[in-house]
Amino acid sequence: MYNINKIRNKILLGDTLEELKKFPPESIDCIVTSPPYWRLRDYRVEGQIGLEATLKEYIEKMLKITAELKRILKKTGVFFLNWGDCYGGNNRRAGLKNSRGCMNKKLIPAKCMTLQNYRIIIRMIDEQQWILRNIVIWYKPNAMPSSVKDRFANKYEPVFMLVKSKKYWFDLGAVRIPHKTTIEEYRKKLPKSENNKTNFEAGAGIIKYSTNSAIKRRFTLGKNPGDVWQIPIQPFPEAHFATFPERLVEPMIKAGCPQWICKKCGKARERITRTKYEVKSNSISRSIKEGKEKEVGLVARNFTGNALHYTIGWTDCGCNAGWEQGIVLDPFMGAGTTALVATKLNRDWIGIELNPEYIEIAYRRLNRER
């Protein structure tokens, strides 16, 4: 069994499943990875995952890996899984059971998507009790051109966000983004009511019959980035295979991996935020003067689109034992993008990789960053 502190910031050479078995339970804070897709690419290394003869063989092997990942992930941990798909044809066999429980060795229909990712995700939920919290759409504006003429070109890949318990560590404040539209641009588009006052819909609430002076500006930092991320592909000349863009990995690590964890009790620090509502109207001013706190609270909740979110501190467990960085695991490290981004964000990391050439590439990237 590995001593987790002795393998921090190291890439382990070996088979992913066998290496994962050596990890102690609940020792990893966050997992960020993209596994080899079935029958899509040959990484030219013996024992690689993805070249199985049938889709069933691939699925069963991947489920053994996801079971180990669930074992070693902390209860507060988050698992980000970028997993695309491929099409049937070229003698790709499903090897799946039919309704009678008999093995079906027929070929996957040519031109049909295999749905390898969704097949496995559903079994992860049904059989391993993973909790699927999000399917993030990674939209690639500069995706590779396609010569296909009988369907639309592929421009996105899904990123599955999974957890193992209902309560987990997630820092939305680290990835909130500013609004692109200024309040002046909003005012020009606002319809007028019968009273010649502005009707304004903002975020989760609706502000009815509010004067323009009551809407100062949209909050500068505070928008939830949502589940559609537009991130260009990032070419990497040292590797012949597809690599993560750093911009895709950054929000996963920021939101899913704590920067400070108590060395004694193991509790992660959490962001303490305060929301300020920038509302200045005569009715609210009168309410404040008259001490009508309930009325002020109701008004503030209607102005959710005008909120400024401030970080005022971080929780403290009180152990006074010092802090250590959270650990991000990439069980299919490849060229080391997950490790590189984790280093930039002051998190520790662990990688597993079967190909020693890729490990050399990853360490070269890390050494340049250091």
Protein backbone atom coordinates (compact mmCIF):
# COMPACT_ATOMS: atom_id res chain seq x y z
CA MET A 1 0.00 0.00 0.00
CA TYR A 2 1.36 3.38 -0.98
CA ASN A 3 2.14 6.08 1.56
CA ILE A 4 0.18 8.87 -0.11
CA ASN A 5 2.58 11.59 1.05
CA LYS A 6 5.53 9.84 -0.59
CA ILE A 7 3.92 9.79 -4.02
CA ARG A 8 2.67 13.38 -4.07
CA ASN A 9 3.67 15.18 -7.27
CA LYS A 10 4.90 11.97 -8.90
CA ILE A 11 3.85 9.99 -11.97
CA LEU A 12 3.57 6.25 -11.34
CA LEU A 13 4.61 4.02 -14.23
CA GLY A 14 2.33 1.04 -14.62
CA ASP A 15 -1.12 -0.36 -15.36
CA THR A 16 -3.82 1.96 -14.04
CA LEU A 17 -5.94 -0.71 -12.36
CA GLU A 18 -3.00 -2.39 -10.65
CA GLU A 19 -1.59 0.93 -9.42
CA LEU A 20 -4.95 2.08 -8.07
CA LYS A 21 -5.18 -1.05 -5.93
CA LYS A 22 -2.09 0.17 -4.04
CA PHE A 23 -3.73 3.44 -2.95
CA PRO A 24 -5.16 3.72 0.57
CA PRO A 25 -8.94 4.25 0.75
CA GLU A 26 -10.31 7.81 0.70
CA SER A 27 -6.93 9.40 0.07
CA ILE A 28 -7.66 11.54 -3.03
CA ASP A 29 -9.45 14.90 -3.03
CA CYS A 30 -10.24 15.26 -6.72
CA ILE A 31 -9.93 13.19 -9.91
CA VAL A 32 -9.54 14.80 -13.32
CA THR A 33 -8.95 12.57 -16.32
CA SER A 34 -9.84 11.53 -19.83
CA PRO A 35 -9.52 7.78 -20.46
CA PRO A 36 -8.61 6.22 -23.81
CA TYR A 37 -11.76 5.93 -25.91
CA TRP A 38 -12.63 2.50 -27.25
CA ARG A 39 -11.13 1.61 -30.64
CA LEU A 40 -10.26 5.20 -31.41
CA ARG A 41 -6.49 5.45 -31.06
CA ASP A 42 -3.47 3.20 -30.70
CA TYR A 43 -1.06 4.61 -28.12
CA ARG A 44 1.59 2.05 -29.12
CA VAL A 45 2.20 0.53 -25.72
CA GLU A 46 1.56 -3.02 -24.58
CA GLY A 47 -1.36 -3.48 -22.19
CA GLN A 48 -3.12 -0.25 -23.14
CA ILE A 49 -6.82 0.25 -22.60
CA GLY A 50 -9.02 0.98 -25.61
CA LEU A 51 -8.07 -1.74 -28.11
CA GLU A 52 -10.31 -4.45 -26.66
CA ALA A 53 -11.96 -6.71 -29.24
CA THR A 54 -15.48 -5.90 -28.04
CA LEU A 55 -17.16 -2.96 -26.40
CA LYS A 56 -18.22 -5.25 -23.53
CA GLU A 57 -14.59 -6.05 -22.72
CA TYR A 58 -13.76 -2.35 -22.70
CA ILE A 59 -16.74 -1.50 -20.49
CA GLU A 60 -15.96 -4.23 -17.95
CA LYS A 61 -12.34 -3.14 -17.71
CA MET A 62 -13.27 0.52 -17.24
CA LEU A 63 -15.84 -0.35 -14.56
CA LYS A 64 -13.13 -2.09 -12.54
CA ILE A 65 -11.13 1.14 -12.71
CA THR A 66 -14.06 3.37 -11.74
CA ALA A 67 -14.77 1.09 -8.77
CA GLU A 68 -11.19 1.59 -7.54
CA LEU A 69 -11.46 5.33 -8.12
CA LYS A 70 -14.57 5.44 -5.96
CA ARG A 71 -12.75 3.53 -3.23
CA ILE A 72 -9.80 5.94 -3.07
CA LEU A 73 -11.78 9.17 -3.53
CA LYS A 74 -12.64 10.98 -0.31
CA LYS A 75 -16.30 11.32 0.64
CA THR A 76 -15.90 15.04 -0.03
CA GLY A 77 -14.19 14.40 -3.38
CA VAL A 78 -15.25 15.23 -6.94
CA PHE A 79 -14.56 13.23 -10.11
CA PHE A 80 -14.37 15.05 -13.49
CA LEU A 81 -14.39 12.64 -16.42
CA ASN A 82 -13.93 13.88 -20.00
CA TRP A 83 -15.21 11.07 -22.19
CA GLY A 84 -16.04 11.31 -25.87
CA ASP A 85 -17.35 8.67 -28.27
CA CYS A 86 -16.72 7.00 -31.62
CA TYR A 87 -18.77 5.47 -34.41
CA GLY A 88 -19.50 1.86 -35.35
CA GLY A 89 -17.88 0.22 -38.35
CA ASN A 90 -14.44 -1.17 -39.11
CA ASN A 91 -15.37 -4.50 -37.45
CA ARG A 92 -16.19 -2.93 -34.10
CA ARG A 93 -18.09 -5.57 -32.14
CA ALA A 94 -20.44 -4.76 -29.29
CA GLY A 95 -20.25 -8.03 -27.38
CA LEU A 96 -23.28 -6.96 -25.31
CA LYS A 97 -26.06 -9.13 -23.84
CA ASN A 98 -29.49 -9.09 -25.45
CA SER A 99 -32.84 -9.19 -23.61
CA ARG A 100 -32.50 -12.96 -23.09
CA GLY A 101 -29.09 -12.63 -21.49
CA CYS A 102 -27.31 -14.16 -24.48
CA MET A 103 -24.17 -12.60 -25.88
CA ASN A 104 -24.67 -10.61 -29.06
CA LYS A 105 -21.56 -10.74 -31.22
CA LYS A 106 -23.00 -8.68 -34.04
CA LEU A 107 -21.13 -5.69 -35.31
CA ILE A 108 -22.16 -2.27 -34.06
CA PRO A 109 -24.04 -0.77 -37.02
CA ALA A 110 -21.76 1.21 -39.26
CA LYS A 111 -22.05 4.97 -38.72
CA CYS A 112 -23.85 4.43 -35.38
CA MET A 113 -22.44 6.10 -32.29
CA THR A 114 -21.32 3.48 -29.77
CA LEU A 115 -22.36 5.55 -26.71
CA GLN A 116 -19.44 3.98 -24.85
CA ASN A 117 -19.35 6.86 -22.36
CA TYR A 118 -23.04 6.87 -21.51
CA ARG A 119 -23.21 3.08 -21.26
CA ILE A 120 -20.47 3.15 -18.62
CA ILE A 121 -21.82 6.19 -16.76
CA ILE A 122 -25.23 4.54 -16.40
CA ARG A 123 -23.64 1.40 -14.97
CA MET A 124 -21.50 3.52 -12.64
CA ILE A 125 -24.71 5.00 -11.27
CA ASP A 126 -26.72 1.77 -11.16
CA GLU A 127 -24.04 -0.63 -9.95
CA GLN A 128 -21.46 1.51 -8.13
CA GLN A 129 -23.80 4.20 -6.73
CA TRP A 130 -21.95 7.17 -8.16
CA ILE A 131 -23.93 10.43 -8.13
CA LEU A 132 -23.91 12.26 -11.46
CA ARG A 133 -24.12 16.00 -10.70
CA ASN A 134 -23.40 17.55 -14.08
CA ILE A 135 -22.75 16.82 -17.72
CA VAL A 136 -20.63 19.74 -18.87
CA ILE A 137 -20.54 20.37 -22.60
CA TRP A 138 -17.03 21.21 -23.77
CA TYR A 139 -17.70 23.14 -26.98
CA LYS A 140 -14.66 23.33 -29.27
CA PRO A 141 -14.88 26.39 -31.52
CA ASN A 142 -11.74 25.30 -33.38
CA ALA A 143 -12.55 21.59 -33.60
CA MET A 144 -10.85 19.60 -36.31
CA PRO A 145 -12.61 19.98 -39.70
CA SER A 146 -14.60 17.01 -40.90
CA SER A 147 -15.15 15.77 -44.44
CA VAL A 148 -18.36 13.95 -43.53
CA LYS A 149 -21.35 14.94 -45.66
CA ASP A 150 -24.25 13.01 -44.14
CA ARG A 151 -24.22 14.36 -40.55
CA PHE A 152 -23.15 17.42 -38.58
CA ALA A 153 -19.52 17.81 -37.60
CA ASN A 154 -18.60 16.93 -34.01
CA LYS A 155 -17.93 20.13 -32.07
CA TYR A 156 -18.21 19.07 -28.43
CA GLU A 157 -17.33 16.42 -25.85
CA PRO A 158 -19.08 15.75 -22.53
CA VAL A 159 -17.38 16.11 -19.17
CA PHE A 160 -19.14 14.13 -16.45
CA MET A 161 -19.01 15.47 -12.90
CA LEU A 162 -19.54 12.68 -10.38
CA VAL A 163 -19.39 12.43 -6.58
CA LYS A 164 -19.75 9.59 -4.09
CA SER A 165 -21.76 11.36 -1.37
CA LYS A 166 -24.44 14.02 -1.21
CA LYS A 167 -22.21 16.44 0.69
CA TYR A 168 -18.90 17.20 -0.99
CA TRP A 169 -16.36 20.02 -1.27
CA PHE A 170 -17.13 22.43 -4.11
CA ASP A 171 -15.91 26.02 -4.40
CA LEU A 172 -18.18 27.82 -6.85
CA GLY A 173 -16.70 31.14 -5.76
CA ALA A 174 -13.38 30.17 -7.35
CA VAL A 175 -14.86 29.89 -10.84
CA ARG A 176 -17.53 32.60 -10.96
CA ILE A 177 -17.19 34.76 -14.07
CA PRO A 178 -17.98 38.42 -14.83
CA HIS A 179 -20.97 39.41 -16.89
CA LYS A 180 -20.22 40.57 -20.42
CA THR A 181 -23.11 43.01 -20.70
CA THR A 182 -22.96 46.35 -18.91
CA ILE A 183 -25.96 47.86 -17.19
CA GLU A 184 -26.04 50.64 -19.76
CA GLU A 185 -26.56 48.06 -22.50
CA TYR A 186 -29.29 46.41 -20.44
CA ARG A 187 -31.13 49.71 -19.94
CA LYS A 188 -31.38 50.28 -23.68
CA LYS A 189 -33.13 46.93 -24.11
CA LEU A 190 -35.51 47.13 -21.15
CA PRO A 191 -39.24 47.36 -22.00
CA LYS A 192 -41.33 50.05 -20.36
CA SER A 193 -44.35 49.34 -18.21
CA GLU A 194 -47.63 51.23 -18.19
CA ASN A 195 -46.20 53.51 -15.51
CA ASN A 196 -43.22 54.25 -17.73
CA LYS A 197 -41.02 52.34 -15.31
CA THR A 198 -38.63 49.57 -16.18
CA ASN A 199 -39.43 45.87 -16.05
CA PHE A 200 -36.14 44.09 -15.45
CA GLU A 201 -35.50 40.36 -15.35
CA ALA A 202 -32.19 39.44 -13.72
CA GLY A 203 -30.83 36.06 -12.80
CA ALA A 204 -33.11 34.01 -10.54
CA GLY A 205 -35.49 36.85 -9.66
CA ILE A 206 -37.66 39.40 -11.44
CA ILE A 207 -37.55 43.06 -10.56
CA LYS A 208 -40.91 44.59 -11.41
CA TYR A 209 -41.56 48.29 -11.91
CA SER A 210 -38.13 49.33 -10.75
CA THR A 211 -36.72 52.67 -11.79
CA ASN A 212 -33.49 52.85 -13.73
CA SER A 213 -31.77 54.42 -10.75
CA ALA A 214 -32.48 51.25 -8.75
CA ILE A 215 -30.41 49.16 -11.15
CA LYS A 216 -26.86 50.36 -10.72
CA ARG A 217 -24.96 47.58 -12.50
CA ARG A 218 -24.62 43.85 -12.85
CA PHE A 219 -22.23 42.24 -10.41
CA THR A 220 -18.66 42.06 -11.70
CA LEU A 221 -17.76 38.64 -10.32
CA GLY A 222 -20.48 36.21 -9.43
CA LYS A 223 -22.00 34.52 -12.44
CA ASN A 224 -22.20 30.74 -12.31
CA PRO A 225 -20.30 29.58 -15.43
CA GLY A 226 -22.98 27.03 -16.27
CA ASP A 227 -22.52 23.68 -17.96
CA VAL A 228 -21.50 24.79 -21.46
CA TRP A 229 -17.82 25.74 -21.70
CA GLN A 230 -16.43 27.22 -24.91
CA ILE A 231 -12.74 26.33 -24.87
CA PRO A 232 -10.55 25.95 -27.96
CA ILE A 233 -8.43 22.88 -28.54
CA GLN A 234 -4.87 23.51 -27.39
CA PRO A 235 -2.27 21.92 -29.72
CA PHE A 236 0.74 20.28 -28.15
CA PRO A 237 3.56 19.47 -30.60
CA GLU A 238 5.41 16.98 -28.37
CA ALA A 239 2.58 14.44 -28.36
CA HIS A 240 0.89 12.73 -31.29
CA PHE A 241 -2.34 12.28 -29.31
CA ALA A 242 -5.05 14.68 -28.15
CA THR A 243 -4.29 16.51 -24.91
CA PHE A 244 -6.42 18.42 -22.43
CA PRO A 245 -6.51 22.19 -22.92
CA GLU A 246 -5.28 23.79 -19.71
CA ARG A 247 -8.32 26.07 -19.69
CA LEU A 248 -10.59 23.00 -19.52
CA VAL A 249 -8.81 21.59 -16.48
CA GLU A 250 -8.49 24.86 -14.53
CA PRO A 251 -12.14 25.25 -13.41
CA MET A 252 -12.31 21.56 -12.47
CA ILE A 253 -9.36 21.82 -10.09
CA LYS A 254 -10.33 25.24 -8.75
CA ALA A 255 -13.86 24.12 -7.93
CA GLY A 256 -13.20 20.50 -6.98
CA CYS A 257 -9.86 20.37 -5.15
CA PRO A 258 -9.25 22.24 -1.86
CA GLN A 259 -6.11 24.34 -1.61
CA TRP A 260 -5.88 23.98 2.18
CA ILE A 261 -6.54 20.82 4.18
CA CYS A 262 -5.81 20.43 7.90
CA LYS A 263 -2.84 18.14 8.49
CA LYS A 264 -4.44 16.80 11.66
CA CYS A 265 -8.18 16.37 11.13
CA GLY A 266 -8.16 16.36 7.33
CA LYS A 267 -10.92 18.94 7.02
CA ALA A 268 -10.71 21.27 4.03
CA ARG A 269 -11.13 25.00 4.41
CA GLU A 270 -14.25 26.44 2.81
CA ARG A 271 -14.78 29.89 1.37
CA ILE A 272 -16.89 32.29 3.45
CA THR A 273 -18.73 34.72 1.21
CA ARG A 274 -20.95 37.71 1.70
CA THR A 275 -23.37 39.01 -0.88
CA LYS A 276 -23.97 42.73 -1.21
CA TYR A 277 -27.01 43.89 -3.14
CA GLU A 278 -26.40 47.14 -4.92
CA VAL A 279 -29.93 48.49 -4.67
CA LYS A 280 -30.64 52.17 -4.22
CA SER A 281 -34.30 53.07 -4.42
CA ASN A 282 -36.42 55.41 -2.29
CA SER A 283 -38.64 52.59 -1.03
CA ILE A 284 -35.68 50.55 0.19
CA SER A 285 -34.09 53.56 1.84
CA ARG A 286 -37.30 54.24 3.76
CA SER A 287 -37.46 50.61 4.84
CA ILE A 288 -33.95 50.76 6.20
CA LYS A 289 -34.67 53.94 8.15
CA GLU A 290 -37.84 52.53 9.61
CA GLY A 291 -36.10 49.31 10.59
CA LYS A 292 -38.30 47.08 8.45
CA GLU A 293 -35.69 44.36 8.08
CA LYS A 294 -38.11 41.77 6.67
CA GLU A 295 -39.16 44.13 3.92
CA VAL A 296 -35.53 44.88 3.04
CA GLY A 297 -34.78 41.17 2.90
CA LEU A 298 -37.63 40.52 0.50
CA VAL A 299 -36.49 43.31 -1.77
CA ALA A 300 -32.90 42.06 -1.73
CA ARG A 301 -33.93 38.58 -2.78
CA ASN A 302 -35.65 40.03 -5.83
CA PHE A 303 -32.39 41.70 -6.85
CA THR A 304 -30.34 38.52 -7.26
CA GLY A 305 -29.05 39.75 -10.60
CA ASN A 306 -27.40 42.78 -8.94
CA ALA A 307 -25.39 40.89 -6.34
CA LEU A 308 -21.72 41.41 -5.57
CA HIS A 309 -20.12 38.32 -4.04
CA TYR A 310 -17.21 38.97 -1.69
CA THR A 311 -14.82 36.51 -0.07
CA ILE A 312 -14.52 37.60 3.55
CA GLY A 313 -12.50 34.66 4.84
CA TRP A 314 -12.08 30.91 5.09
CA THR A 315 -13.27 28.39 7.65
CA ASP A 316 -10.80 27.17 10.27
CA CYS A 317 -11.10 23.80 12.00
CA GLY A 318 -9.22 25.12 15.04
CA CYS A 319 -6.60 22.35 15.13
CA ASN A 320 -3.73 24.80 14.54
CA ALA A 321 -1.78 21.95 12.95
CA GLY A 322 -1.00 23.68 9.66
CA TRP A 323 -2.33 23.08 6.17
CA GLU A 324 -1.42 20.85 3.26
CA GLN A 325 -2.53 21.05 -0.34
CA GLY A 326 -5.30 18.92 -1.78
CA ILE A 327 -4.38 16.10 -4.17
CA VAL A 328 -5.59 15.82 -7.76
CA LEU A 329 -5.30 12.38 -9.36
CA ASP A 330 -5.12 11.70 -13.09
CA PRO A 331 -5.10 7.91 -13.64
CA PHE A 332 -4.44 8.41 -17.37
CA MET A 333 -1.83 11.16 -17.12
CA GLY A 334 -0.65 11.25 -20.73
CA ALA A 335 1.33 14.42 -21.39
CA GLY A 336 0.75 15.76 -17.88
CA THR A 337 -1.71 18.62 -18.39
CA THR A 338 -3.57 17.84 -15.15
CA ALA A 339 -0.31 17.90 -13.19
CA LEU A 340 0.78 21.12 -14.90
CA VAL A 341 -2.45 22.96 -14.08
CA ALA A 342 -2.49 21.62 -10.51
CA THR A 343 1.06 22.93 -10.01
CA LYS A 344 0.07 26.37 -11.27
CA LEU A 345 -2.91 26.39 -8.90
CA ASN A 346 -0.85 25.33 -5.87
CA ARG A 347 -2.37 21.87 -5.56
CA ASP A 348 -0.55 18.57 -5.25
CA TRP A 349 -1.11 15.86 -7.83
CA ILE A 350 -0.48 12.20 -8.61
CA GLY A 351 -0.43 10.66 -12.06
CA ILE A 352 -0.52 7.13 -13.45
CA GLU A 353 0.78 6.40 -16.94
CA LEU A 354 1.59 3.19 -18.81
CA ASN A 355 3.85 4.71 -21.47
CA PRO A 356 7.29 5.85 -20.20
CA GLU A 357 7.68 8.20 -23.18
CA TYR A 358 4.64 10.19 -22.07
CA ILE A 359 6.00 10.38 -18.54
CA GLU A 360 9.18 11.97 -19.89
CA ILE A 361 7.07 14.49 -21.84
CA ALA A 362 5.04 15.33 -18.72
CA TYR A 363 8.11 15.87 -16.55
CA ARG A 364 9.69 18.12 -19.18
CA ARG A 365 6.56 20.30 -19.17
CA LEU A 366 6.56 20.41 -15.38
CA ASN A 367 10.24 21.29 -15.20
CA ARG A 368 9.71 24.20 -17.58
CA GLU A 369 6.88 25.46 -15.38
CA ARG A 370 8.98 25.15 -12.23
